[in-house]
C-alpha cells in the first residue's frame, strides 16, 4: 500500500459513534478516535523509495494512532535504520539492509519484533489492524474471542509477509 492510498483508506474508516456511546465512551473520546484517522498533508512533498517515509514526511501523522502504533513528525536515519514511529513505546524503523519493518528497543536497538517484510506490506497490515480494532470496539464478542483474535493476528501477519510477523500482530491484538 502506498502512502496516498493509506491516507485515503484511513479517511474511509467508518466510526459508528452511536455504538461507541453504547459501549460507554465519552463524546470527547469518540471525537479523538475520528480525528485519529484524518491525516492532513503537510506543505512540502518529498518522494522516496519508501512509502513510510512519504507518509511521515508528507502528512501530519501527529494524531494518527492505530492500537499502540504512532508515527513521528519526521523520519530519522541512523546507521542501518530509518526511524519513523513508535510501537508500545519502542522504536519502529525500516531496516535499510533488508527493507523490513522492525520494532527496536528504544535506546538500545535490540530487535523486539519483526513487523513486515517491507513498508508497503506494513501499511496494508496496519490499515487492516485499524479496521479490525474499530470493529472489535463495538462487537464485544470479537474482543473476548481469543481464538478468533489469534486467527486474525495470523491473517494480519500474512498480509505483512508471513509467519515471521505473527508475534507482532498478536501483540497488537493483545493475544
N, C-alpha and C. Protein backbone atom coordinates (compact mmCIF):
# COMPACT_ATOMS: atom_id res chain seq x y z
N UNK A 1 0.85 -1.17 0.00
CA UNK A 1 0.00 0.00 0.00
C UNK A 1 0.89 1.24 0.00
N UNK A 2 0.60 2.14 -0.89
CA UNK A 2 1.34 3.40 -0.98
C UNK A 2 0.81 4.38 0.08
N UNK A 3 1.57 5.42 0.38
CA UNK A 3 1.19 6.40 1.41
C UNK A 3 -0.14 7.07 1.08
N UNK A 4 -0.34 7.49 -0.15
CA UNK A 4 -1.57 8.19 -0.54
C UNK A 4 -2.78 7.27 -0.36
N UNK A 5 -2.65 6.02 -0.78
CA UNK A 5 -3.74 5.05 -0.63
C UNK A 5 -4.04 4.80 0.85
N UNK A 6 -3.00 4.72 1.68
CA UNK A 6 -3.15 4.52 3.11
C UNK A 6 -3.95 5.67 3.72
N UNK A 7 -3.57 6.89 3.40
CA UNK A 7 -4.24 8.09 3.93
C UNK A 7 -5.70 8.12 3.49
N UNK A 8 -5.97 7.85 2.23
CA UNK A 8 -7.35 7.85 1.73
C UNK A 8 -8.16 6.73 2.37
N UNK A 9 -7.56 5.57 2.55
CA UNK A 9 -8.26 4.45 3.18
C UNK A 9 -8.60 4.74 4.63
N UNK A 10 -7.68 5.39 5.35
CA UNK A 10 -7.95 5.76 6.74
C UNK A 10 -9.17 6.67 6.83
N UNK A 11 -9.26 7.63 5.92
CA UNK A 11 -10.39 8.57 5.93
C UNK A 11 -11.72 7.85 5.74
N UNK A 12 -11.69 6.71 5.09
CA UNK A 12 -12.92 5.97 4.80
C UNK A 12 -13.32 4.99 5.89
N UNK A 13 -12.55 4.91 6.97
CA UNK A 13 -12.94 4.04 8.07
C UNK A 13 -14.17 4.63 8.75
N UNK A 14 -15.22 3.84 8.83
CA UNK A 14 -16.46 4.30 9.43
C UNK A 14 -16.41 4.12 10.94
N UNK A 15 -16.64 5.20 11.66
CA UNK A 15 -16.70 5.18 13.11
C UNK A 15 -18.17 5.36 13.50
N UNK A 16 -18.76 4.33 14.07
CA UNK A 16 -20.17 4.39 14.47
C UNK A 16 -20.26 4.96 15.88
N UNK A 17 -20.47 6.25 15.96
CA UNK A 17 -20.49 6.95 17.26
C UNK A 17 -21.58 6.41 18.18
N UNK A 18 -22.73 6.05 17.63
CA UNK A 18 -23.83 5.57 18.48
C UNK A 18 -23.46 4.25 19.17
N UNK A 19 -22.79 3.36 18.45
CA UNK A 19 -22.38 2.10 19.07
C UNK A 19 -21.27 2.32 20.09
N UNK A 20 -20.37 3.25 19.81
CA UNK A 20 -19.32 3.55 20.78
C UNK A 20 -19.89 4.19 22.04
N UNK A 21 -20.92 5.01 21.88
CA UNK A 21 -21.59 5.61 23.05
C UNK A 21 -22.23 4.52 23.90
N UNK A 22 -22.83 3.53 23.24
CA UNK A 22 -23.44 2.41 23.97
C UNK A 22 -22.40 1.64 24.76
N UNK A 23 -21.15 1.65 24.28
CA UNK A 23 -20.06 0.98 24.99
C UNK A 23 -19.56 1.83 26.16
N UNK A 24 -20.11 3.05 26.30
CA UNK A 24 -19.75 3.90 27.42
C UNK A 24 -18.64 4.91 27.14
N UNK A 25 -18.28 5.08 25.88
CA UNK A 25 -17.22 6.04 25.55
C UNK A 25 -17.78 7.46 25.52
N UNK A 26 -16.97 8.40 25.98
CA UNK A 26 -17.39 9.80 26.02
C UNK A 26 -17.37 10.41 24.63
N UNK A 27 -18.12 11.51 24.47
CA UNK A 27 -18.12 12.23 23.19
C UNK A 27 -16.72 12.70 22.82
N UNK A 28 -15.96 13.16 23.82
CA UNK A 28 -14.60 13.64 23.56
C UNK A 28 -13.72 12.51 23.01
N UNK A 29 -13.85 11.33 23.61
CA UNK A 29 -13.02 10.21 23.17
C UNK A 29 -13.43 9.75 21.77
N UNK A 30 -14.71 9.77 21.48
CA UNK A 30 -15.19 9.40 20.15
C UNK A 30 -14.64 10.37 19.11
N UNK A 31 -14.63 11.66 19.43
CA UNK A 31 -14.05 12.66 18.52
C UNK A 31 -12.55 12.43 18.33
N UNK A 32 -11.88 12.05 19.42
CA UNK A 32 -10.45 11.72 19.35
C UNK A 32 -10.22 10.57 18.37
N UNK A 33 -11.05 9.55 18.44
CA UNK A 33 -10.95 8.40 17.53
C UNK A 33 -11.16 8.85 16.09
N UNK A 34 -12.18 9.66 15.86
CA UNK A 34 -12.46 10.13 14.50
C UNK A 34 -11.31 10.96 13.94
N UNK A 35 -10.76 11.86 14.76
CA UNK A 35 -9.64 12.70 14.33
C UNK A 35 -8.39 11.89 14.02
N UNK A 36 -8.24 10.77 14.72
CA UNK A 36 -7.02 9.96 14.56
C UNK A 36 -6.84 9.48 13.13
N UNK A 37 -7.92 9.31 12.40
CA UNK A 37 -7.82 8.76 11.05
C UNK A 37 -7.86 9.84 9.96
N UNK A 38 -7.88 11.09 10.36
CA UNK A 38 -7.83 12.17 9.38
C UNK A 38 -6.40 12.71 9.35
N UNK A 39 -5.69 12.33 8.33
CA UNK A 39 -4.28 12.68 8.18
C UNK A 39 -4.17 13.73 7.08
N UNK A 40 -3.77 14.93 7.47
CA UNK A 40 -3.71 16.05 6.52
C UNK A 40 -2.32 16.17 5.90
N UNK A 41 -2.28 16.64 4.65
CA UNK A 41 -0.97 16.83 4.00
C UNK A 41 -0.20 18.00 4.61
N UNK A 42 1.11 17.87 4.62
CA UNK A 42 1.99 18.97 5.02
C UNK A 42 2.24 19.83 3.78
N UNK A 43 2.88 20.96 3.98
CA UNK A 43 3.14 21.88 2.86
C UNK A 43 4.16 21.33 1.87
N UNK A 44 5.10 20.56 2.36
CA UNK A 44 6.14 20.04 1.45
C UNK A 44 5.76 18.65 0.94
N UNK A 45 6.39 18.27 -0.15
CA UNK A 45 6.20 16.94 -0.69
C UNK A 45 7.57 16.37 -1.04
N UNK A 46 7.85 15.20 -0.50
CA UNK A 46 9.09 14.53 -0.86
C UNK A 46 8.74 13.20 -1.52
N UNK A 47 9.64 12.71 -2.32
CA UNK A 47 9.48 11.41 -2.97
C UNK A 47 10.57 10.50 -2.42
N UNK A 48 10.18 9.28 -2.07
CA UNK A 48 11.12 8.33 -1.50
C UNK A 48 10.84 6.94 -2.06
N UNK A 49 11.82 6.08 -1.96
CA UNK A 49 11.59 4.68 -2.33
C UNK A 49 10.72 3.99 -1.29
N UNK A 50 10.58 4.61 -0.11
CA UNK A 50 9.80 4.03 0.98
C UNK A 50 8.49 4.80 1.18
N UNK A 51 7.38 4.08 1.12
CA UNK A 51 6.07 4.70 1.35
C UNK A 51 5.94 5.26 2.76
N UNK A 52 6.55 4.59 3.73
CA UNK A 52 6.51 5.07 5.12
C UNK A 52 7.14 6.45 5.23
N UNK A 53 8.25 6.66 4.56
CA UNK A 53 8.90 7.97 4.59
C UNK A 53 7.99 9.01 3.96
N UNK A 54 7.37 8.68 2.84
CA UNK A 54 6.43 9.61 2.20
C UNK A 54 5.26 9.92 3.13
N UNK A 55 4.77 8.92 3.86
CA UNK A 55 3.67 9.14 4.80
C UNK A 55 4.09 10.13 5.89
N UNK A 56 5.18 9.84 6.57
CA UNK A 56 5.60 10.66 7.71
C UNK A 56 6.06 12.05 7.28
N UNK A 57 6.77 12.13 6.17
CA UNK A 57 7.31 13.42 5.74
C UNK A 57 6.28 14.30 5.02
N UNK A 58 5.29 13.69 4.38
CA UNK A 58 4.33 14.46 3.57
C UNK A 58 2.99 14.69 4.26
N UNK A 59 2.73 14.01 5.38
CA UNK A 59 1.44 14.12 6.06
C UNK A 59 1.65 14.36 7.55
N UNK A 60 0.70 15.07 8.15
CA UNK A 60 0.72 15.30 9.59
C UNK A 60 0.11 14.08 10.27
N UNK A 61 0.96 13.24 10.80
CA UNK A 61 0.51 12.00 11.44
C UNK A 61 0.47 12.13 12.96
N UNK A 62 0.50 13.37 13.46
CA UNK A 62 0.59 13.58 14.91
C UNK A 62 -0.60 13.03 15.69
N UNK A 63 -1.77 12.91 15.05
CA UNK A 63 -2.94 12.36 15.73
C UNK A 63 -3.17 10.89 15.39
N UNK A 64 -2.43 10.37 14.43
CA UNK A 64 -2.65 9.00 13.97
C UNK A 64 -2.15 7.99 14.99
N UNK A 65 -3.08 7.17 15.45
CA UNK A 65 -2.75 6.13 16.42
C UNK A 65 -3.56 4.89 16.04
N UNK A 66 -2.86 3.80 15.79
CA UNK A 66 -3.51 2.54 15.45
C UNK A 66 -3.05 1.53 16.50
N UNK A 67 -3.97 1.18 17.41
CA UNK A 67 -3.56 0.38 18.55
C UNK A 67 -2.52 1.16 19.31
N UNK A 68 -1.37 0.56 19.49
CA UNK A 68 -0.27 1.25 20.18
C UNK A 68 0.81 1.72 19.20
N UNK A 69 0.46 1.83 17.93
CA UNK A 69 1.39 2.33 16.92
C UNK A 69 1.12 3.80 16.66
N UNK A 70 2.18 4.60 16.76
CA UNK A 70 2.10 6.03 16.45
C UNK A 70 3.23 6.37 15.47
N UNK A 71 3.10 7.52 14.85
CA UNK A 71 4.08 7.95 13.86
C UNK A 71 4.72 9.26 14.30
N UNK A 72 6.00 9.41 14.02
CA UNK A 72 6.75 10.61 14.39
C UNK A 72 6.43 11.75 13.44
N UNK A 73 6.88 12.97 13.79
CA UNK A 73 6.71 14.14 12.92
C UNK A 73 7.60 14.05 11.69
N UNK A 74 8.77 13.43 11.86
CA UNK A 74 9.70 13.28 10.74
C UNK A 74 10.50 12.00 10.94
N UNK A 75 11.10 11.54 9.88
CA UNK A 75 11.93 10.34 9.96
C UNK A 75 13.35 10.73 10.33
N UNK A 76 14.08 9.75 10.83
CA UNK A 76 15.49 9.98 11.19
C UNK A 76 16.28 8.74 10.83
N UNK A 77 17.32 8.92 10.02
CA UNK A 77 18.16 7.79 9.61
C UNK A 77 19.42 7.77 10.46
N UNK A 78 19.62 6.64 11.13
CA UNK A 78 20.81 6.42 11.95
C UNK A 78 21.31 5.01 11.63
N UNK A 79 22.54 4.94 11.19
CA UNK A 79 23.15 3.66 10.85
C UNK A 79 22.30 2.94 9.81
N UNK A 80 21.89 1.71 10.09
CA UNK A 80 21.12 0.92 9.12
C UNK A 80 19.62 1.02 9.33
N UNK A 81 19.15 2.02 10.05
CA UNK A 81 17.72 2.14 10.34
C UNK A 81 17.20 3.53 10.02
N UNK A 82 15.97 3.57 9.55
CA UNK A 82 15.23 4.83 9.39
C UNK A 82 14.07 4.76 10.38
N UNK A 83 14.13 5.58 11.40
CA UNK A 83 13.12 5.59 12.46
C UNK A 83 11.94 6.44 12.02
N UNK A 84 10.72 5.92 12.22
CA UNK A 84 9.54 6.65 11.77
C UNK A 84 8.38 6.63 12.75
N UNK A 85 8.45 5.86 13.82
CA UNK A 85 7.32 5.80 14.73
C UNK A 85 7.63 5.04 15.99
N UNK A 86 6.56 4.75 16.73
CA UNK A 86 6.67 4.01 17.99
C UNK A 86 5.63 2.90 18.02
N UNK A 87 5.98 1.82 18.70
CA UNK A 87 5.04 0.73 18.98
C UNK A 87 5.28 0.33 20.43
N UNK A 88 4.27 0.52 21.26
CA UNK A 88 4.38 0.23 22.68
C UNK A 88 5.60 0.92 23.30
N UNK A 89 5.86 2.15 22.86
CA UNK A 89 6.94 2.94 23.42
C UNK A 89 8.31 2.64 22.86
N UNK A 90 8.40 1.66 21.98
CA UNK A 90 9.69 1.32 21.36
C UNK A 90 9.71 1.84 19.92
N UNK A 91 10.89 1.82 19.32
CA UNK A 91 11.08 2.44 18.01
C UNK A 91 10.63 1.55 16.86
N UNK A 92 9.84 2.13 15.97
CA UNK A 92 9.51 1.50 14.69
C UNK A 92 10.49 2.01 13.67
N UNK A 93 11.05 1.11 12.88
CA UNK A 93 12.07 1.53 11.92
C UNK A 93 12.07 0.64 10.68
N UNK A 94 12.62 1.22 9.63
CA UNK A 94 12.91 0.45 8.42
C UNK A 94 14.36 -0.01 8.55
N UNK A 95 14.58 -1.30 8.42
CA UNK A 95 15.94 -1.83 8.35
C UNK A 95 16.40 -1.64 6.91
N UNK A 96 17.31 -0.71 6.68
CA UNK A 96 17.69 -0.37 5.31
C UNK A 96 18.49 -1.47 4.62
N UNK A 97 19.00 -2.43 5.38
CA UNK A 97 19.72 -3.53 4.75
C UNK A 97 18.77 -4.55 4.14
N UNK A 98 17.56 -4.67 4.70
CA UNK A 98 16.59 -5.66 4.21
C UNK A 98 15.30 -5.04 3.68
N UNK A 99 15.02 -3.80 4.10
CA UNK A 99 13.75 -3.16 3.76
C UNK A 99 12.62 -3.53 4.70
N UNK A 100 12.90 -4.41 5.66
CA UNK A 100 11.87 -4.88 6.60
C UNK A 100 11.53 -3.80 7.62
N UNK A 101 10.32 -3.89 8.16
CA UNK A 101 9.87 -3.01 9.25
C UNK A 101 10.05 -3.78 10.55
N UNK A 102 10.69 -3.13 11.52
CA UNK A 102 11.01 -3.78 12.79
C UNK A 102 10.68 -2.86 13.96
N UNK A 103 10.53 -3.47 15.14
CA UNK A 103 10.45 -2.73 16.39
C UNK A 103 11.76 -2.97 17.12
N UNK A 104 12.41 -1.87 17.48
CA UNK A 104 13.69 -1.93 18.19
C UNK A 104 13.51 -1.37 19.59
N UNK A 105 14.17 -1.99 20.55
CA UNK A 105 14.13 -1.49 21.92
C UNK A 105 14.69 -0.08 21.94
N UNK A 106 13.90 0.85 22.45
CA UNK A 106 14.32 2.26 22.48
C UNK A 106 15.63 2.44 23.23
N UNK A 107 16.55 3.13 22.60
CA UNK A 107 17.83 3.42 23.22
C UNK A 107 18.87 2.32 23.10
N UNK A 108 18.46 1.13 22.68
CA UNK A 108 19.40 0.01 22.61
C UNK A 108 19.47 -0.64 21.23
N UNK A 109 18.46 -0.44 20.42
CA UNK A 109 18.39 -1.02 19.08
C UNK A 109 18.40 -2.55 19.06
N UNK A 110 17.98 -3.17 20.17
CA UNK A 110 17.79 -4.62 20.17
C UNK A 110 16.48 -4.92 19.45
N UNK A 111 16.49 -5.92 18.58
CA UNK A 111 15.30 -6.29 17.84
C UNK A 111 14.27 -6.91 18.78
N UNK A 112 13.07 -6.32 18.83
CA UNK A 112 11.99 -6.86 19.64
C UNK A 112 10.98 -7.62 18.78
N UNK A 113 10.61 -7.03 17.64
CA UNK A 113 9.63 -7.65 16.75
C UNK A 113 9.98 -7.37 15.30
N UNK A 114 9.67 -8.33 14.47
CA UNK A 114 9.67 -8.12 13.02
C UNK A 114 8.22 -7.85 12.65
N UNK A 115 7.95 -6.73 11.99
CA UNK A 115 6.57 -6.29 11.73
C UNK A 115 6.08 -6.59 10.32
N UNK A 116 6.96 -6.47 9.34
CA UNK A 116 6.54 -6.67 7.95
C UNK A 116 7.77 -6.80 7.06
N UNK A 117 7.59 -7.49 5.95
CA UNK A 117 8.72 -7.70 5.03
C UNK A 117 9.15 -6.41 4.35
N UNK A 118 8.23 -5.42 4.25
CA UNK A 118 8.58 -4.12 3.68
C UNK A 118 7.55 -3.09 4.13
N UNK A 119 7.80 -1.84 3.77
CA UNK A 119 6.94 -0.76 4.25
C UNK A 119 5.55 -0.80 3.64
N UNK A 120 5.42 -1.21 2.40
CA UNK A 120 4.10 -1.28 1.75
C UNK A 120 3.22 -2.34 2.41
N UNK A 121 3.80 -3.50 2.72
CA UNK A 121 3.02 -4.54 3.39
C UNK A 121 2.71 -4.13 4.83
N UNK A 122 3.60 -3.35 5.46
CA UNK A 122 3.31 -2.83 6.80
C UNK A 122 2.11 -1.89 6.77
N UNK A 123 2.07 -0.98 5.81
CA UNK A 123 0.93 -0.06 5.71
C UNK A 123 -0.36 -0.84 5.46
N UNK A 124 -0.32 -1.85 4.63
CA UNK A 124 -1.51 -2.67 4.37
C UNK A 124 -1.96 -3.39 5.63
N UNK A 125 -1.03 -4.00 6.33
CA UNK A 125 -1.41 -4.76 7.52
C UNK A 125 -1.87 -3.84 8.64
N UNK A 126 -1.20 -2.70 8.84
CA UNK A 126 -1.58 -1.79 9.93
C UNK A 126 -2.93 -1.14 9.63
N UNK A 127 -3.23 -0.90 8.36
CA UNK A 127 -4.56 -0.41 8.00
C UNK A 127 -5.62 -1.45 8.38
N UNK A 128 -5.34 -2.71 8.09
CA UNK A 128 -6.28 -3.77 8.45
C UNK A 128 -6.40 -3.95 9.96
N UNK A 129 -5.33 -3.66 10.70
CA UNK A 129 -5.40 -3.63 12.16
C UNK A 129 -6.41 -2.57 12.59
N UNK A 130 -6.33 -1.38 11.99
CA UNK A 130 -7.25 -0.29 12.33
C UNK A 130 -8.70 -0.71 12.08
N UNK A 131 -8.95 -1.32 10.93
CA UNK A 131 -10.31 -1.78 10.62
C UNK A 131 -10.80 -2.77 11.66
N UNK A 132 -9.95 -3.74 11.99
CA UNK A 132 -10.35 -4.77 12.94
C UNK A 132 -10.55 -4.20 14.34
N UNK A 133 -9.67 -3.31 14.79
CA UNK A 133 -9.82 -2.73 16.12
C UNK A 133 -11.09 -1.90 16.24
N UNK A 134 -11.45 -1.19 15.17
CA UNK A 134 -12.70 -0.42 15.21
C UNK A 134 -13.90 -1.35 15.28
N UNK A 135 -13.85 -2.44 14.54
CA UNK A 135 -14.94 -3.42 14.58
C UNK A 135 -15.01 -4.08 15.96
N UNK A 136 -13.86 -4.44 16.48
CA UNK A 136 -13.80 -5.10 17.78
C UNK A 136 -14.28 -4.19 18.91
N UNK A 137 -14.12 -2.88 18.74
CA UNK A 137 -14.55 -1.93 19.77
C UNK A 137 -16.06 -1.93 19.96
N UNK A 138 -16.80 -2.29 18.92
CA UNK A 138 -18.27 -2.26 19.02
C UNK A 138 -18.89 -3.65 19.05
N UNK A 139 -18.09 -4.68 18.83
CA UNK A 139 -18.59 -6.05 18.88
C UNK A 139 -17.87 -6.79 20.00
N UNK A 140 -18.49 -6.81 21.17
CA UNK A 140 -17.84 -7.36 22.35
C UNK A 140 -17.43 -8.81 22.16
N UNK A 141 -18.21 -9.57 21.40
CA UNK A 141 -17.87 -10.97 21.16
C UNK A 141 -16.50 -11.12 20.50
N UNK A 142 -16.15 -10.18 19.63
CA UNK A 142 -14.84 -10.22 18.99
C UNK A 142 -13.73 -9.99 20.00
N UNK A 143 -13.97 -9.07 20.91
CA UNK A 143 -12.95 -8.70 21.88
C UNK A 143 -12.58 -9.88 22.78
N UNK A 144 -13.56 -10.66 23.19
CA UNK A 144 -13.31 -11.74 24.15
C UNK A 144 -12.98 -13.08 23.49
N UNK A 145 -13.10 -13.18 22.19
CA UNK A 145 -12.85 -14.44 21.48
C UNK A 145 -11.36 -14.55 21.15
N UNK A 146 -10.62 -15.17 22.06
CA UNK A 146 -9.16 -15.28 21.93
C UNK A 146 -8.78 -16.03 20.66
N UNK A 147 -9.45 -17.13 20.40
CA UNK A 147 -9.14 -17.94 19.22
C UNK A 147 -9.30 -17.13 17.93
N UNK A 148 -10.37 -16.37 17.85
CA UNK A 148 -10.61 -15.54 16.66
C UNK A 148 -9.55 -14.44 16.54
N UNK A 149 -9.16 -13.86 17.68
CA UNK A 149 -8.13 -12.82 17.66
C UNK A 149 -6.77 -13.38 17.23
N UNK A 150 -6.46 -14.60 17.64
CA UNK A 150 -5.22 -15.24 17.19
C UNK A 150 -5.28 -15.48 15.69
N UNK A 151 -6.42 -15.97 15.21
CA UNK A 151 -6.59 -16.19 13.77
C UNK A 151 -6.44 -14.88 13.01
N UNK A 152 -7.03 -13.80 13.52
CA UNK A 152 -6.93 -12.51 12.86
C UNK A 152 -5.49 -12.00 12.87
N UNK A 153 -4.79 -12.18 13.99
CA UNK A 153 -3.38 -11.77 14.07
C UNK A 153 -2.55 -12.51 13.02
N UNK A 154 -2.85 -13.77 12.81
CA UNK A 154 -2.12 -14.54 11.80
C UNK A 154 -2.46 -14.06 10.39
N UNK A 155 -3.71 -13.70 10.15
CA UNK A 155 -4.09 -13.14 8.85
C UNK A 155 -3.37 -11.81 8.61
N UNK A 156 -3.27 -10.99 9.64
CA UNK A 156 -2.54 -9.72 9.53
C UNK A 156 -1.06 -9.98 9.28
N UNK A 157 -0.52 -10.99 9.95
CA UNK A 157 0.87 -11.38 9.72
C UNK A 157 1.10 -11.84 8.29
N UNK A 158 0.11 -12.55 7.73
CA UNK A 158 0.22 -12.99 6.34
C UNK A 158 0.24 -11.80 5.39
N UNK A 159 -0.58 -10.79 5.67
CA UNK A 159 -0.56 -9.56 4.86
C UNK A 159 0.83 -8.92 4.94
N UNK A 160 1.43 -8.98 6.13
CA UNK A 160 2.75 -8.38 6.35
C UNK A 160 3.87 -9.18 5.71
N UNK A 161 3.60 -10.45 5.39
CA UNK A 161 4.63 -11.24 4.74
C UNK A 161 4.76 -12.68 5.21
N UNK A 162 4.01 -13.09 6.24
CA UNK A 162 4.06 -14.48 6.64
C UNK A 162 4.25 -14.69 8.13
N UNK A 163 4.53 -15.94 8.49
CA UNK A 163 4.61 -16.38 9.89
C UNK A 163 5.64 -15.61 10.72
N UNK A 164 6.66 -15.14 10.07
CA UNK A 164 7.72 -14.40 10.74
C UNK A 164 7.18 -13.18 11.50
N UNK A 165 6.00 -12.70 11.10
CA UNK A 165 5.44 -11.45 11.64
C UNK A 165 4.25 -11.67 12.57
N UNK A 166 3.86 -12.92 12.79
CA UNK A 166 2.68 -13.21 13.61
C UNK A 166 2.78 -12.60 15.01
N UNK A 167 3.94 -12.70 15.65
CA UNK A 167 4.06 -12.24 17.04
C UNK A 167 3.73 -10.76 17.19
N UNK A 168 4.15 -9.95 16.25
CA UNK A 168 3.86 -8.52 16.34
C UNK A 168 2.35 -8.28 16.32
N UNK A 169 1.63 -8.95 15.45
CA UNK A 169 0.19 -8.73 15.33
C UNK A 169 -0.57 -9.38 16.48
N UNK A 170 -0.04 -10.43 17.04
CA UNK A 170 -0.63 -10.99 18.27
C UNK A 170 -0.51 -9.96 19.39
N UNK A 171 0.65 -9.31 19.47
CA UNK A 171 0.83 -8.26 20.47
C UNK A 171 -0.16 -7.12 20.21
N UNK A 172 -0.30 -6.73 18.94
CA UNK A 172 -1.22 -5.63 18.60
C UNK A 172 -2.65 -5.93 19.03
N UNK A 173 -3.04 -7.20 18.95
CA UNK A 173 -4.41 -7.58 19.32
C UNK A 173 -4.52 -8.09 20.75
N UNK A 174 -3.42 -8.11 21.47
CA UNK A 174 -3.44 -8.49 22.87
C UNK A 174 -3.66 -9.97 23.12
N UNK A 175 -3.15 -10.82 22.21
CA UNK A 175 -3.30 -12.28 22.39
C UNK A 175 -1.95 -12.98 22.38
